C-alpha atoms as a PDB file:
ATOM      1  CA  UNK A   1     134.311 117.247 110.454  1.00  0.00           C
ATOM      2  CA  UNK A   2     135.289 118.498 107.323  1.00  0.00           C
ATOM      3  CA  UNK A   3     137.890 116.031 107.643  1.00  0.00           C
ATOM      4  CA  UNK A   4     135.594 112.795 107.925  1.00  0.00           C
ATOM      5  CA  UNK A   5     133.494 113.806 105.093  1.00  0.00           C
ATOM      6  CA  UNK A   6     137.049 114.489 102.937  1.00  0.00           C
ATOM      7  CA  UNK A   7     138.105 110.944 104.059  1.00  0.00           C
ATOM      8  CA  UNK A   8     134.649 109.768 102.858  1.00  0.00           C
ATOM      9  CA  UNK A   9     135.386 110.501 100.257  1.00  0.00           C
ATOM     10  CA  UNK A  10     138.913 109.966  99.833  1.00  0.00           C
ATOM     11  CA  UNK A  11     137.793 106.702  99.847  1.00  0.00           C
ATOM     12  CA  UNK A  12     135.380 106.088  97.954  1.00  0.00           C
ATOM     13  CA  UNK A  13     136.580 108.432  95.058  1.00  0.00           C
ATOM     14  CA  UNK A  14     140.292 108.369  95.533  1.00  0.00           C
ATOM     15  CA  UNK A  15     140.873 104.938  96.661  1.00  0.00           C
ATOM     16  CA  UNK A  16     139.341 102.972  94.578  1.00  0.00           C
ATOM     17  CA  UNK A  17     136.966 102.292  96.846  1.00  0.00           C
ATOM     18  CA  UNK A  18     133.620 101.423  94.784  1.00  0.00           C
ATOM     19  CA  UNK A  19     129.761 101.044  95.480  1.00  0.00           C
ATOM     20  CA  UNK A  20     128.330  97.471  95.356  1.00  0.00           C
ATOM     21  CA  UNK A  21     126.043  96.660  92.387  1.00  0.00           C
ATOM     22  CA  UNK A  22     123.906  92.926  92.463  1.00  0.00           C
ATOM     23  CA  UNK A  23     124.082  92.012  88.501  1.00  0.00           C
ATOM     24  CA  UNK A  24     121.137  91.850  87.154  1.00  0.00           C
ATOM     25  CA  UNK A  25     119.980  89.919  83.282  1.00  0.00           C
ATOM     26  CA  UNK A  26     118.045  91.202  80.752  1.00  0.00           C
ATOM     27  CA  UNK A  27     114.500  89.030  80.638  1.00  0.00           C
ATOM     28  CA  UNK A  28     113.713  89.872  76.840  1.00  0.00           C
ATOM     29  CA  UNK A  29     116.223  90.010  73.802  1.00  0.00           C
ATOM     30  CA  UNK A  30     116.530  93.335  71.708  1.00  0.00           C
ATOM     31  CA  UNK A  31     119.003  95.452  71.478  1.00  0.00           C
ATOM     32  CA  UNK A  32     120.350  93.868  74.970  1.00  0.00           C
ATOM     33  CA  UNK A  33     121.484  89.764  74.341  1.00  0.00           C
ATOM     34  CA  UNK A  34     119.333  87.905  76.730  1.00  0.00           C
ATOM     35  CA  UNK A  35     120.532  87.058  79.958  1.00  0.00           C
ATOM     36  CA  UNK A  36     123.708  90.160  79.321  1.00  0.00           C
ATOM     37  CA  UNK A  37     125.017  91.262  83.187  1.00  0.00           C
ATOM     38  CA  UNK A  38     124.567  95.207  83.874  1.00  0.00           C
ATOM     39  CA  UNK A  39     124.024  96.664  86.272  1.00  0.00           C
ATOM     40  CA  UNK A  40     121.284  94.521  89.556  1.00  0.00           C
ATOM     41  CA  UNK A  41     117.720  94.006  88.681  1.00  0.00           C
ATOM     42  CA  UNK A  42     115.978  92.868  86.116  1.00  0.00           C
ATOM     43  CA  UNK A  43     115.896  95.377  82.790  1.00  0.00           C
ATOM     44  CA  UNK A  44     113.617  95.366  79.211  1.00  0.00           C
ATOM     45  CA  UNK A  45     115.098  95.443  76.395  1.00  0.00           C
ATOM     46  CA  UNK A  46     116.059  98.917  75.980  1.00  0.00           C
ATOM     47  CA  UNK A  47     117.749  99.193  79.466  1.00  0.00           C
ATOM     48  CA  UNK A  48     115.044 100.329  81.496  1.00  0.00           C
ATOM     49  CA  UNK A  49     114.440  99.065  85.104  1.00  0.00           C
ATOM     50  CA  UNK A  50     111.284  96.178  85.075  1.00  0.00           C
ATOM     51  CA  UNK A  51     109.916  96.768  89.005  1.00  0.00           C
ATOM     52  CA  UNK A  52     106.269  95.334  90.718  1.00  0.00           C
ATOM     53  CA  UNK A  53     104.173  97.330  92.341  1.00  0.00           C
ATOM     54  CA  UNK A  54     104.261  96.209  96.081  1.00  0.00           C
ATOM     55  CA  UNK A  55     102.429  99.208  97.694  1.00  0.00           C
ATOM     56  CA  UNK A  56      98.574 100.343  96.947  1.00  0.00           C
ATOM     57  CA  UNK A  57      98.226 102.590  93.648  1.00  0.00           C
ATOM     58  CA  UNK A  58      96.092 105.470  95.146  1.00  0.00           C
ATOM     59  CA  UNK A  59      92.277 104.934  94.159  1.00  0.00           C
ATOM     60  CA  UNK A  60      92.811 101.362  94.040  1.00  0.00           C
ATOM     61  CA  UNK A  61      89.665  99.368  94.949  1.00  0.00           C
ATOM     62  CA  UNK A  62      91.048  95.853  95.999  1.00  0.00           C
ATOM     63  CA  UNK A  63      87.239  94.661  96.191  1.00  0.00           C
ATOM     64  CA  UNK A  64      86.689  94.514  92.596  1.00  0.00           C
ATOM     65  CA  UNK A  65      89.609  95.057  91.277  1.00  0.00           C
ATOM     66  CA  UNK A  66      89.439  99.024  90.238  1.00  0.00           C
ATOM     67  CA  UNK A  67      90.713 101.962  90.487  1.00  0.00           C
ATOM     68  CA  UNK A  68      87.874 104.120  91.728  1.00  0.00           C
ATOM     69  CA  UNK A  69      88.010 107.154  89.320  1.00  0.00           C
ATOM     70  CA  UNK A  70      85.457 109.823  87.786  1.00  0.00           C
ATOM     71  CA  UNK A  71      84.101 107.885  84.632  1.00  0.00           C
ATOM     72  CA  UNK A  72      85.129 104.184  84.975  1.00  0.00           C
ATOM     73  CA  UNK A  73      82.937 101.793  85.857  1.00  0.00           C
ATOM     74  CA  UNK A  74      79.581 101.605  87.339  1.00  0.00           C
ATOM     75  CA  UNK A  75      78.716  98.603  90.249  1.00  0.00           C
ATOM     76  CA  UNK A  76      74.830  98.118  90.877  1.00  0.00           C
ATOM     77  CA  UNK A  77      73.674  97.273  94.689  1.00  0.00           C
ATOM     78  CA  UNK A  78      70.397  95.684  94.524  1.00  0.00           C
ATOM     79  CA  UNK A  79      68.850  96.565  98.047  1.00  0.00           C
ATOM     80  CA  UNK A  80      66.919  93.474  99.977  1.00  0.00           C
ATOM     81  CA  UNK A  81      63.538  94.643 100.254  1.00  0.00           C
ATOM     82  CA  UNK A  82      62.758  92.196 101.853  1.00  0.00           C
ATOM     83  CA  UNK A  83      58.709  92.698 103.002  1.00  0.00           C
ATOM     84  CA  UNK A  84      58.455  96.193 101.838  1.00  0.00           C
ATOM     85  CA  UNK A  85      58.819  94.635  97.434  1.00  0.00           C
ATOM     86  CA  UNK A  86      55.111  93.565  98.058  1.00  0.00           C
ATOM     87  CA  UNK A  87      53.500  95.698 100.734  1.00  0.00           C
ATOM     88  CA  UNK A  88      54.036  99.171 102.858  1.00  0.00           C
ATOM     89  CA  UNK A  89      56.907  98.465 104.878  1.00  0.00           C
ATOM     90  CA  UNK A  90      60.288  99.153 105.779  1.00  0.00           C
ATOM     91  CA  UNK A  91      64.013  97.387 104.202  1.00  0.00           C
ATOM     92  CA  UNK A  92      66.763  96.902 106.616  1.00  0.00           C
ATOM     93  CA  UNK A  93      69.951  99.121 106.991  1.00  0.00           C
ATOM     94  CA  UNK A  94      72.547  98.663 104.831  1.00  0.00           C
ATOM     95  CA  UNK A  95      75.293  99.954 102.829  1.00  0.00           C
ATOM     96  CA  UNK A  96      76.920 101.741 100.605  1.00  0.00           C
ATOM     97  CA  UNK A  97      80.082 102.018  98.807  1.00  0.00           C
ATOM     98  CA  UNK A  98      81.218 106.406  99.876  1.00  0.00           C
ATOM     99  CA  UNK A  99      81.466 108.649  96.802  1.00  0.00           C
ATOM    100  CA  UNK A 100      78.851 109.469  94.354  1.00  0.00           C
ATOM    101  CA  UNK A 101      75.806 107.529  93.993  1.00  0.00           C
ATOM    102  CA  UNK A 102      72.024 107.168  92.292  1.00  0.00           C
ATOM    103  CA  UNK A 103      69.153 104.954  93.646  1.00  0.00           C
ATOM    104  CA  UNK A 104      67.164 103.838  90.942  1.00  0.00           C
ATOM    105  CA  UNK A 105      63.547 102.163  92.008  1.00  0.00           C
ATOM    106  CA  UNK A 106      61.087 100.249  90.254  1.00  0.00           C
ATOM    107  CA  UNK A 107      57.859  98.726  90.838  1.00  0.00           C
ATOM    108  CA  UNK A 108      55.905  95.818  88.518  1.00  0.00           C
ATOM    109  CA  UNK A 109      52.589  93.812  88.862  1.00  0.00           C
ATOM    110  CA  UNK A 110      49.302  93.100  86.227  1.00  0.00           C
ATOM    111  CA  UNK A 111      47.747  96.626  85.485  1.00  0.00           C
ATOM    112  CA  UNK A 112      47.785  99.798  87.158  1.00  0.00           C
ATOM    113  CA  UNK A 113      51.038  99.433  89.159  1.00  0.00           C
ATOM    114  CA  UNK A 114      51.985 102.080  92.043  1.00  0.00           C
ATOM    115  CA  UNK A 115      54.699 102.377  94.844  1.00  0.00           C
ATOM    116  CA  UNK A 116      56.859 105.467  96.734  1.00  0.00           C
ATOM    117  CA  UNK A 117      60.356 104.399  97.943  1.00  0.00           C
ATOM    118  CA  UNK A 118      61.556 106.820 100.483  1.00  0.00           C
ATOM    119  CA  UNK A 119      65.891 106.420 101.015  1.00  0.00           C
ATOM    120  CA  UNK A 120      67.518 107.653 103.398  1.00  0.00           C
ATOM    121  CA  UNK A 121      70.724 107.969 104.821  1.00  0.00           C
ATOM    122  CA  UNK A 122      71.417 106.896 108.765  1.00  0.00           C
ATOM    123  CA  UNK A 123      74.573 107.018 110.976  1.00  0.00           C
ATOM    124  CA  UNK A 124      72.677 103.768 112.459  1.00  0.00           C
ATOM    125  CA  UNK A 125      72.299 100.499 111.808  1.00  0.00           C
ATOM    126  CA  UNK A 126      68.124 100.729 113.322  1.00  0.00           C
ATOM    127  CA  UNK A 127      66.217 101.922 109.947  1.00  0.00           C
ATOM    128  CA  UNK A 128      64.780 104.851 111.606  1.00  0.00           C
ATOM    129  CA  UNK A 129      64.972 108.586 112.172  1.00  0.00           C
ATOM    130  CA  UNK A 130      67.629 109.074 108.943  1.00  0.00           C
ATOM    131  CA  UNK A 131      67.815 112.085 106.372  1.00  0.00           C
ATOM    132  CA  UNK A 132      65.852 111.968 103.331  1.00  0.00           C
ATOM    133  CA  UNK A 133      67.599 111.637 100.723  1.00  0.00           C
ATOM    134  CA  UNK A 134      65.043 111.191  98.283  1.00  0.00           C
ATOM    135  CA  UNK A 135      61.483 109.910  96.962  1.00  0.00           C
ATOM    136  CA  UNK A 136      61.343 108.037  93.809  1.00  0.00           C
ATOM    137  CA  UNK A 137      57.407 108.123  92.991  1.00  0.00           C
ATOM    138  CA  UNK A 138      56.078 105.172  90.204  1.00  0.00           C
ATOM    139  CA  UNK A 139      52.590 104.633  89.274  1.00  0.00           C
ATOM    140  CA  UNK A 140      52.289 102.714  85.764  1.00  0.00           C
ATOM    141  CA  UNK A 141      51.675 100.231  84.118  1.00  0.00           C
ATOM    142  CA  UNK A 142      52.594  96.394  84.497  1.00  0.00           C
ATOM    143  CA  UNK A 143      55.764  98.547  84.944  1.00  0.00           C
ATOM    144  CA  UNK A 144      57.631 101.193  85.823  1.00  0.00           C
ATOM    145  CA  UNK A 145      60.925 103.279  87.021  1.00  0.00           C
ATOM    146  CA  UNK A 146      62.398 105.926  87.759  1.00  0.00           C
ATOM    147  CA  UNK A 147      65.493 107.485  90.039  1.00  0.00           C
ATOM    148  CA  UNK A 148      67.339 109.896  91.796  1.00  0.00           C
ATOM    149  CA  UNK A 149      69.371 112.643  90.904  1.00  0.00           C
ATOM    150  CA  UNK A 150      72.374 111.454  91.640  1.00  0.00           C
ATOM    151  CA  UNK A 151      74.041 111.881  94.621  1.00  0.00           C
ATOM    152  CA  UNK A 152      77.429 112.502  97.687  1.00  0.00           C
ATOM    153  CA  UNK A 153      76.264 112.443 100.548  1.00  0.00           C
ATOM    154  CA  UNK A 154      77.407 109.513 102.769  1.00  0.00           C
ATOM    155  CA  UNK A 155      75.894 108.135 105.660  1.00  0.00           C
ATOM    156  CA  UNK A 156      77.172 105.069 107.140  1.00  0.00           C
ATOM    157  CA  UNK A 157      73.755 103.025 107.007  1.00  0.00           C
ATOM    158  CA  UNK A 158      71.199 103.853 104.335  1.00  0.00           C
ATOM    159  CA  UNK A 159      67.274 102.106 104.363  1.00  0.00           C
ATOM    160  CA  UNK A 160      64.257 101.956 102.040  1.00  0.00           C
ATOM    161  CA  UNK A 161      60.298 103.292 103.454  1.00  0.00           C
ATOM    162  CA  UNK A 162      57.757 101.885 100.380  1.00  0.00           C
ATOM    163  CA  UNK A 163      54.143 103.409 100.621  1.00  0.00           C
ATOM    164  CA  UNK A 164      51.830 103.288  99.125  1.00  0.00           C
ATOM    165  CA  UNK A 165      51.958  99.779  97.057  1.00  0.00           C
ATOM    166  CA  UNK A 166      49.059  99.428  94.638  1.00  0.00           C
ATOM    167  CA  UNK A 167      48.156  97.622  92.250  1.00  0.00           C
ATOM    168  CA  UNK A 168      47.634  93.283  91.459  1.00  0.00           C
ATOM    169  CA  UNK A 169      51.358  92.057  92.095  1.00  0.00           C
ATOM    170  CA  UNK A 170      52.851  94.769  92.616  1.00  0.00           C
ATOM    171  CA  UNK A 171      56.247  94.679  93.413  1.00  0.00           C
ATOM    172  CA  UNK A 172      59.626  96.788  94.002  1.00  0.00           C
ATOM    173  CA  UNK A 173      63.025  96.616  94.112  1.00  0.00           C
ATOM    174  CA  UNK A 174      65.727  98.891  94.104  1.00  0.00           C
ATOM    175  CA  UNK A 175      68.261  99.041  92.477  1.00  0.00           C
ATOM    176  CA  UNK A 176      72.012 101.133  94.020  1.00  0.00           C
ATOM    177  CA  UNK A 177      74.634 102.719  91.311  1.00  0.00           C
ATOM    178  CA  UNK A 178      77.379 103.507  92.290  1.00  0.00           C
END
């Protein structure tokens, strides 16, 4: 067995056999001359190998072209309220990306307006029998808003039930920040 290893080492080092290197070139001028042939691939002006990443980075969000990290960009989704915007009703189930999120609610209209938003997390999309995550109670003149504290509970689906909708032209809206 050792004979094979020594013979291979002798072939590589002692018999004048060299490892094969593909030709490369420098892409920009500098301390190396443009087009100078050096060992394989492409190199920068300092001789460092230039590479192109072919795999995803951990945390990469291809949909939004972002790396999802704490303190990063905040995105916002407007929840489709349907009839729940103006009456006491329940929205259709919707999805939110995983991770920390905050839900912001508002109601606007003419004069005194009120509306209560109950936000639920659910395992199916039936918009019923979910777990209450937060309640936003809104009451003010013309327009008022409030938000749930940040929560990290991750559910496949969420839905909102509106109650106590009062006021001329009272229209509610909910936004999810994540």
